[in-house]
C-alpha atoms as a PDB file:
ATOM      1  CA  UNK A   1      54.112  43.912  12.888  1.00  0.00           C
ATOM      2  CA  UNK A   2      51.754  46.802  12.397  1.00  0.00           C
ATOM      3  CA  UNK A   3      48.666  44.956  13.701  1.00  0.00           C
ATOM      4  CA  UNK A   4      47.792  46.176  17.208  1.00  0.00           C
ATOM      5  CA  UNK A   5      47.304  42.607  18.469  1.00  0.00           C
ATOM      6  CA  UNK A   6      50.797  41.618  17.415  1.00  0.00           C
ATOM      7  CA  UNK A   7      52.309  44.748  18.930  1.00  0.00           C
ATOM      8  CA  UNK A   8      50.440  44.062  22.177  1.00  0.00           C
ATOM      9  CA  UNK A   9      51.643  40.448  22.185  1.00  0.00           C
ATOM     10  CA  UNK A  10      55.270  41.453  21.680  1.00  0.00           C
ATOM     11  CA  UNK A  11      55.003  44.032  24.476  1.00  0.00           C
ATOM     12  CA  UNK A  12      53.382  41.462  26.781  1.00  0.00           C
ATOM     13  CA  UNK A  13      56.060  38.854  25.989  1.00  0.00           C
ATOM     14  CA  UNK A  14      58.788  41.368  26.828  1.00  0.00           C
ATOM     15  CA  UNK A  15      57.339  42.094  30.265  1.00  0.00           C
ATOM     16  CA  UNK A  16      59.662  39.886  32.303  1.00  0.00           C
ATOM     17  CA  UNK A  17      59.458  41.995  35.428  1.00  0.00           C
ATOM     18  CA  UNK A  18      59.311  39.735  38.467  1.00  0.00           C
ATOM     19  CA  UNK A  19      60.504  36.561  36.745  1.00  0.00           C
ATOM     20  CA  UNK A  20      63.133  34.711  38.799  1.00  0.00           C
ATOM     21  CA  UNK A  21      66.153  34.774  36.480  1.00  0.00           C
ATOM     22  CA  UNK A  22      69.095  32.580  37.535  1.00  0.00           C
ATOM     23  CA  UNK A  23      71.767  34.174  39.685  1.00  0.00           C
ATOM     24  CA  UNK A  24      74.435  35.801  37.557  1.00  0.00           C
ATOM     25  CA  UNK A  25      72.232  36.002  34.441  1.00  0.00           C
ATOM     26  CA  UNK A  26      73.038  39.087  32.376  1.00  0.00           C
ATOM     27  CA  UNK A  27      69.673  40.199  31.030  1.00  0.00           C
ATOM     28  CA  UNK A  28      69.643  41.575  27.500  1.00  0.00           C
ATOM     29  CA  UNK A  29      67.489  44.526  26.472  1.00  0.00           C
ATOM     30  CA  UNK A  30      65.101  42.617  24.201  1.00  0.00           C
ATOM     31  CA  UNK A  31      64.719  39.382  26.223  1.00  0.00           C
ATOM     32  CA  UNK A  32      61.186  38.141  26.699  1.00  0.00           C
ATOM     33  CA  UNK A  33      59.263  35.390  28.485  1.00  0.00           C
ATOM     34  CA  UNK A  34      60.261  32.828  25.883  1.00  0.00           C
ATOM     35  CA  UNK A  35      63.927  33.656  26.521  1.00  0.00           C
ATOM     36  CA  UNK A  36      63.268  33.133  30.222  1.00  0.00           C
ATOM     37  CA  UNK A  37      61.734  29.694  29.517  1.00  0.00           C
ATOM     38  CA  UNK A  38      64.760  28.874  27.359  1.00  0.00           C
ATOM     39  CA  UNK A  39      67.137  29.892  30.135  1.00  0.00           C
ATOM     40  CA  UNK A  40      65.255  28.057  32.881  1.00  0.00           C
ATOM     41  CA  UNK A  41      64.432  24.812  31.051  1.00  0.00           C
ATOM     42  CA  UNK A  42      67.384  24.645  28.655  1.00  0.00           C
ATOM     43  CA  UNK A  43      65.387  24.748  25.427  1.00  0.00           C
ATOM     44  CA  UNK A  44      67.271  25.146  22.149  1.00  0.00           C
ATOM     45  CA  UNK A  45      67.675  28.768  21.071  1.00  0.00           C
ATOM     46  CA  UNK A  46      66.401  28.194  17.524  1.00  0.00           C
ATOM     47  CA  UNK A  47      63.331  26.305  18.772  1.00  0.00           C
ATOM     48  CA  UNK A  48      62.435  29.223  21.023  1.00  0.00           C
ATOM     49  CA  UNK A  49      62.847  31.659  18.118  1.00  0.00           C
ATOM     50  CA  UNK A  50      60.605  29.454  15.974  1.00  0.00           C
ATOM     51  CA  UNK A  51      57.920  29.365  18.677  1.00  0.00           C
ATOM     52  CA  UNK A  52      58.029  33.148  19.011  1.00  0.00           C
ATOM     53  CA  UNK A  53      57.598  33.552  15.255  1.00  0.00           C
ATOM     54  CA  UNK A  54      54.846  30.902  15.194  1.00  0.00           C
ATOM     55  CA  UNK A  55      52.868  32.711  17.908  1.00  0.00           C
ATOM     56  CA  UNK A  56      53.067  36.037  16.077  1.00  0.00           C
ATOM     57  CA  UNK A  57      52.110  34.493  12.724  1.00  0.00           C
ATOM     58  CA  UNK A  58      49.250  32.575  14.324  1.00  0.00           C
ATOM     59  CA  UNK A  59      47.840  35.795  15.779  1.00  0.00           C
ATOM     60  CA  UNK A  60      48.266  37.617  12.482  1.00  0.00           C
ATOM     61  CA  UNK A  61      46.583  34.783  10.565  1.00  0.00           C
ATOM     62  CA  UNK A  62      43.556  34.690  12.868  1.00  0.00           C
ATOM     63  CA  UNK A  63      43.322  38.478  12.781  1.00  0.00           C
ATOM     64  CA  UNK A  64      43.415  38.628   8.957  1.00  0.00           C
ATOM     65  CA  UNK A  65      40.716  35.961   8.696  1.00  0.00           C
ATOM     66  CA  UNK A  66      38.464  37.980  11.000  1.00  0.00           C
ATOM     67  CA  UNK A  67      39.112  41.308   9.266  1.00  0.00           C
ATOM     68  CA  UNK A  68      40.046  40.620   5.621  1.00  0.00           C
ATOM     69  CA  UNK A  69      39.730  44.242   4.462  1.00  0.00           C
ATOM     70  CA  UNK A  70      41.739  47.128   5.942  1.00  0.00           C
ATOM     71  CA  UNK A  71      38.634  49.220   6.631  1.00  0.00           C
ATOM     72  CA  UNK A  72      37.337  46.438   8.901  1.00  0.00           C
ATOM     73  CA  UNK A  73      40.439  46.552  11.092  1.00  0.00           C
ATOM     74  CA  UNK A  74      39.630  47.628  14.656  1.00  0.00           C
ATOM     75  CA  UNK A  75      41.452  50.601  16.108  1.00  0.00           C
ATOM     76  CA  UNK A  76      43.825  50.147  19.039  1.00  0.00           C
ATOM     77  CA  UNK A  77      41.281  51.843  21.323  1.00  0.00           C
ATOM     78  CA  UNK A  78      38.688  49.172  20.404  1.00  0.00           C
ATOM     79  CA  UNK A  79      40.577  46.429  22.276  1.00  0.00           C
ATOM     80  CA  UNK A  80      39.217  45.606  25.698  1.00  0.00           C
ATOM     81  CA  UNK A  81      41.236  44.562  28.734  1.00  0.00           C
ATOM     82  CA  UNK A  82      40.173  40.930  28.266  1.00  0.00           C
ATOM     83  CA  UNK A  83      41.882  40.617  24.883  1.00  0.00           C
ATOM     84  CA  UNK A  84      40.941  40.700  21.248  1.00  0.00           C
ATOM     85  CA  UNK A  85      38.900  38.195  19.280  1.00  0.00           C
ATOM     86  CA  UNK A  86      42.065  36.873  17.597  1.00  0.00           C
ATOM     87  CA  UNK A  87      43.782  36.297  20.933  1.00  0.00           C
ATOM     88  CA  UNK A  88      40.660  34.549  22.228  1.00  0.00           C
ATOM     89  CA  UNK A  89      40.517  32.336  19.119  1.00  0.00           C
ATOM     90  CA  UNK A  90      44.194  31.375  19.416  1.00  0.00           C
ATOM     91  CA  UNK A  91      43.814  30.631  23.133  1.00  0.00           C
ATOM     92  CA  UNK A  92      40.715  28.535  22.446  1.00  0.00           C
ATOM     93  CA  UNK A  93      42.492  26.557  19.740  1.00  0.00           C
ATOM     94  CA  UNK A  94      45.526  25.885  21.934  1.00  0.00           C
ATOM     95  CA  UNK A  95      43.359  24.949  24.936  1.00  0.00           C
ATOM     96  CA  UNK A  96      41.203  22.614  22.843  1.00  0.00           C
ATOM     97  CA  UNK A  97      44.219  20.841  21.381  1.00  0.00           C
ATOM     98  CA  UNK A  98      45.845  20.423  24.805  1.00  0.00           C
ATOM     99  CA  UNK A  99      42.568  19.184  26.311  1.00  0.00           C
ATOM    100  CA  UNK A 100      42.153  16.502  23.658  1.00  0.00           C
ATOM    101  CA  UNK A 101      45.550  15.019  24.464  1.00  0.00           C
ATOM    102  CA  UNK A 102      45.241  14.924  28.242  1.00  0.00           C
ATOM    103  CA  UNK A 103      43.249  11.714  28.745  1.00  0.00           C
ATOM    104  CA  UNK A 104      44.861   9.404  31.348  1.00  0.00           C
ATOM    105  CA  UNK A 105      45.302   6.466  28.972  1.00  0.00           C
ATOM    106  CA  UNK A 106      47.422   8.599  26.685  1.00  0.00           C
ATOM    107  CA  UNK A 107      49.931   9.398  29.451  1.00  0.00           C
ATOM    108  CA  UNK A 108      51.326   5.881  29.343  1.00  0.00           C
ATOM    109  CA  UNK A 109      51.982   6.149  25.607  1.00  0.00           C
ATOM    110  CA  UNK A 110      53.226   9.717  25.497  1.00  0.00           C
ATOM    111  CA  UNK A 111      56.061  10.398  27.938  1.00  0.00           C
ATOM    112  CA  UNK A 112      56.527  13.927  26.620  1.00  0.00           C
ATOM    113  CA  UNK A 113      52.978  14.836  27.656  1.00  0.00           C
ATOM    114  CA  UNK A 114      53.807  13.729  31.193  1.00  0.00           C
ATOM    115  CA  UNK A 115      57.050  15.707  31.081  1.00  0.00           C
ATOM    116  CA  UNK A 116      55.253  18.852  29.879  1.00  0.00           C
ATOM    117  CA  UNK A 117      52.711  18.555  32.698  1.00  0.00           C
ATOM    118  CA  UNK A 118      55.558  18.131  35.184  1.00  0.00           C
ATOM    119  CA  UNK A 119      57.301  21.168  33.689  1.00  0.00           C
ATOM    120  CA  UNK A 120      54.076  23.179  34.026  1.00  0.00           C
ATOM    121  CA  UNK A 121      54.012  22.288  37.724  1.00  0.00           C
ATOM    122  CA  UNK A 122      57.667  23.313  38.087  1.00  0.00           C
ATOM    123  CA  UNK A 123      56.916  26.561  36.240  1.00  0.00           C
ATOM    124  CA  UNK A 124      54.081  27.311  38.646  1.00  0.00           C
ATOM    125  CA  UNK A 125      56.308  26.570  41.637  1.00  0.00           C
ATOM    126  CA  UNK A 126      59.093  28.823  40.293  1.00  0.00           C
ATOM    127  CA  UNK A 127      56.690  31.698  39.643  1.00  0.00           C
ATOM    128  CA  UNK A 128      55.144  31.277  43.090  1.00  0.00           C
ATOM    129  CA  UNK A 129      58.607  31.453  44.670  1.00  0.00           C
ATOM    130  CA  UNK A 130      58.185  28.044  46.334  1.00  0.00           C
ATOM    131  CA  UNK A 131      60.965  26.527  48.383  1.00  0.00           C
ATOM    132  CA  UNK A 132      61.936  22.901  47.775  1.00  0.00           C
ATOM    133  CA  UNK A 133      61.567  20.796  50.943  1.00  0.00           C
ATOM    134  CA  UNK A 134      64.448  18.606  49.672  1.00  0.00           C
ATOM    135  CA  UNK A 135      67.023  21.371  49.116  1.00  0.00           C
ATOM    136  CA  UNK A 136      65.687  24.336  51.084  1.00  0.00           C
ATOM    137  CA  UNK A 137      66.270  26.478  47.961  1.00  0.00           C
ATOM    138  CA  UNK A 138      63.886  28.010  45.460  1.00  0.00           C
ATOM    139  CA  UNK A 139      62.393  25.420  43.112  1.00  0.00           C
ATOM    140  CA  UNK A 140      64.373  24.967  39.897  1.00  0.00           C
ATOM    141  CA  UNK A 141      63.563  22.860  36.844  1.00  0.00           C
ATOM    142  CA  UNK A 142      64.601  19.227  37.070  1.00  0.00           C
ATOM    143  CA  UNK A 143      66.092  19.435  33.579  1.00  0.00           C
ATOM    144  CA  UNK A 144      67.500  22.793  32.691  1.00  0.00           C
ATOM    145  CA  UNK A 145      69.934  25.481  33.516  1.00  0.00           C
ATOM    146  CA  UNK A 146      72.303  24.610  30.670  1.00  0.00           C
ATOM    147  CA  UNK A 147      72.159  25.274  26.937  1.00  0.00           C
ATOM    148  CA  UNK A 148      70.174  22.568  25.161  1.00  0.00           C
ATOM    149  CA  UNK A 149      69.643  20.678  28.438  1.00  0.00           C
ATOM    150  CA  UNK A 150      66.115  19.677  27.438  1.00  0.00           C
ATOM    151  CA  UNK A 151      67.379  18.130  24.195  1.00  0.00           C
ATOM    152  CA  UNK A 152      70.267  16.317  25.881  1.00  0.00           C
ATOM    153  CA  UNK A 153      68.591  15.193  29.106  1.00  0.00           C
ATOM    154  CA  UNK A 154      65.000  14.574  27.967  1.00  0.00           C
ATOM    155  CA  UNK A 155      64.472  14.274  24.219  1.00  0.00           C
ATOM    156  CA  UNK A 156      67.605  12.301  23.274  1.00  0.00           C
ATOM    157  CA  UNK A 157      67.139   9.558  25.927  1.00  0.00           C
ATOM    158  CA  UNK A 158      63.466   9.133  24.982  1.00  0.00           C
ATOM    159  CA  UNK A 159      64.340   8.980  21.293  1.00  0.00           C
ATOM    160  CA  UNK A 160      67.157   6.473  21.932  1.00  0.00           C
ATOM    161  CA  UNK A 161      64.846   4.253  23.987  1.00  0.00           C
ATOM    162  CA  UNK A 162      62.103   4.437  21.354  1.00  0.00           C
ATOM    163  CA  UNK A 163      64.505   3.558  18.540  1.00  0.00           C
ATOM    164  CA  UNK A 164      65.915   0.623  20.537  1.00  0.00           C
ATOM    165  CA  UNK A 165      62.389  -0.752  21.002  1.00  0.00           C
ATOM    166  CA  UNK A 166      61.484  -0.383  17.323  1.00  0.00           C
ATOM    167  CA  UNK A 167      64.667  -1.576  15.615  1.00  0.00           C
ATOM    168  CA  UNK A 168      65.717  -5.190  16.109  1.00  0.00           C
ATOM    169  CA  UNK A 169      69.140  -5.768  17.679  1.00  0.00           C
ATOM    170  CA  UNK A 170      71.927  -5.919  15.101  1.00  0.00           C
ATOM    171  CA  UNK A 171      73.867  -9.191  15.016  1.00  0.00           C
ATOM    172  CA  UNK A 172      77.469  -8.882  16.076  1.00  0.00           C
ATOM    173  CA  UNK A 173      80.182 -10.208  13.864  1.00  0.00           C
ATOM    174  CA  UNK A 174      83.304 -11.597  15.229  1.00  0.00           C
END
């Protein structure tokens, strides 16, 4: 983690100031934005850790490809406020991949894409401090608030439904 881009990313991820943590949450010293997403949406702890590691390795990989020799490495002072070339490349790759999958006809075949878009809307509403007209409380995720809630309330039902559509019914004996 000696690359300046990776250090900057870790520092940025750990800036959770102003995020609406749930009431009664005991914040740990090294929690970051991914931990907040885990807490709010009920993602699995190991999946969040894997995504954190993937982001850091992706940045490092792009950086090494741009500057293969140590003498080519930019100094920390060379980074502008708008981000480094590696960060821009990673953002462009992620944006391109998301854009390719967001055609309307795909929504009917990919329920998770719909769910992710809905979650993005909920995330925006939570960060904006919006009040739900239904409950009169701050907006909370539809599925979340418990450990592994996303797996139990979203992924497992979709997987069960998909399997039931693919596999023929088993004959009963009796």
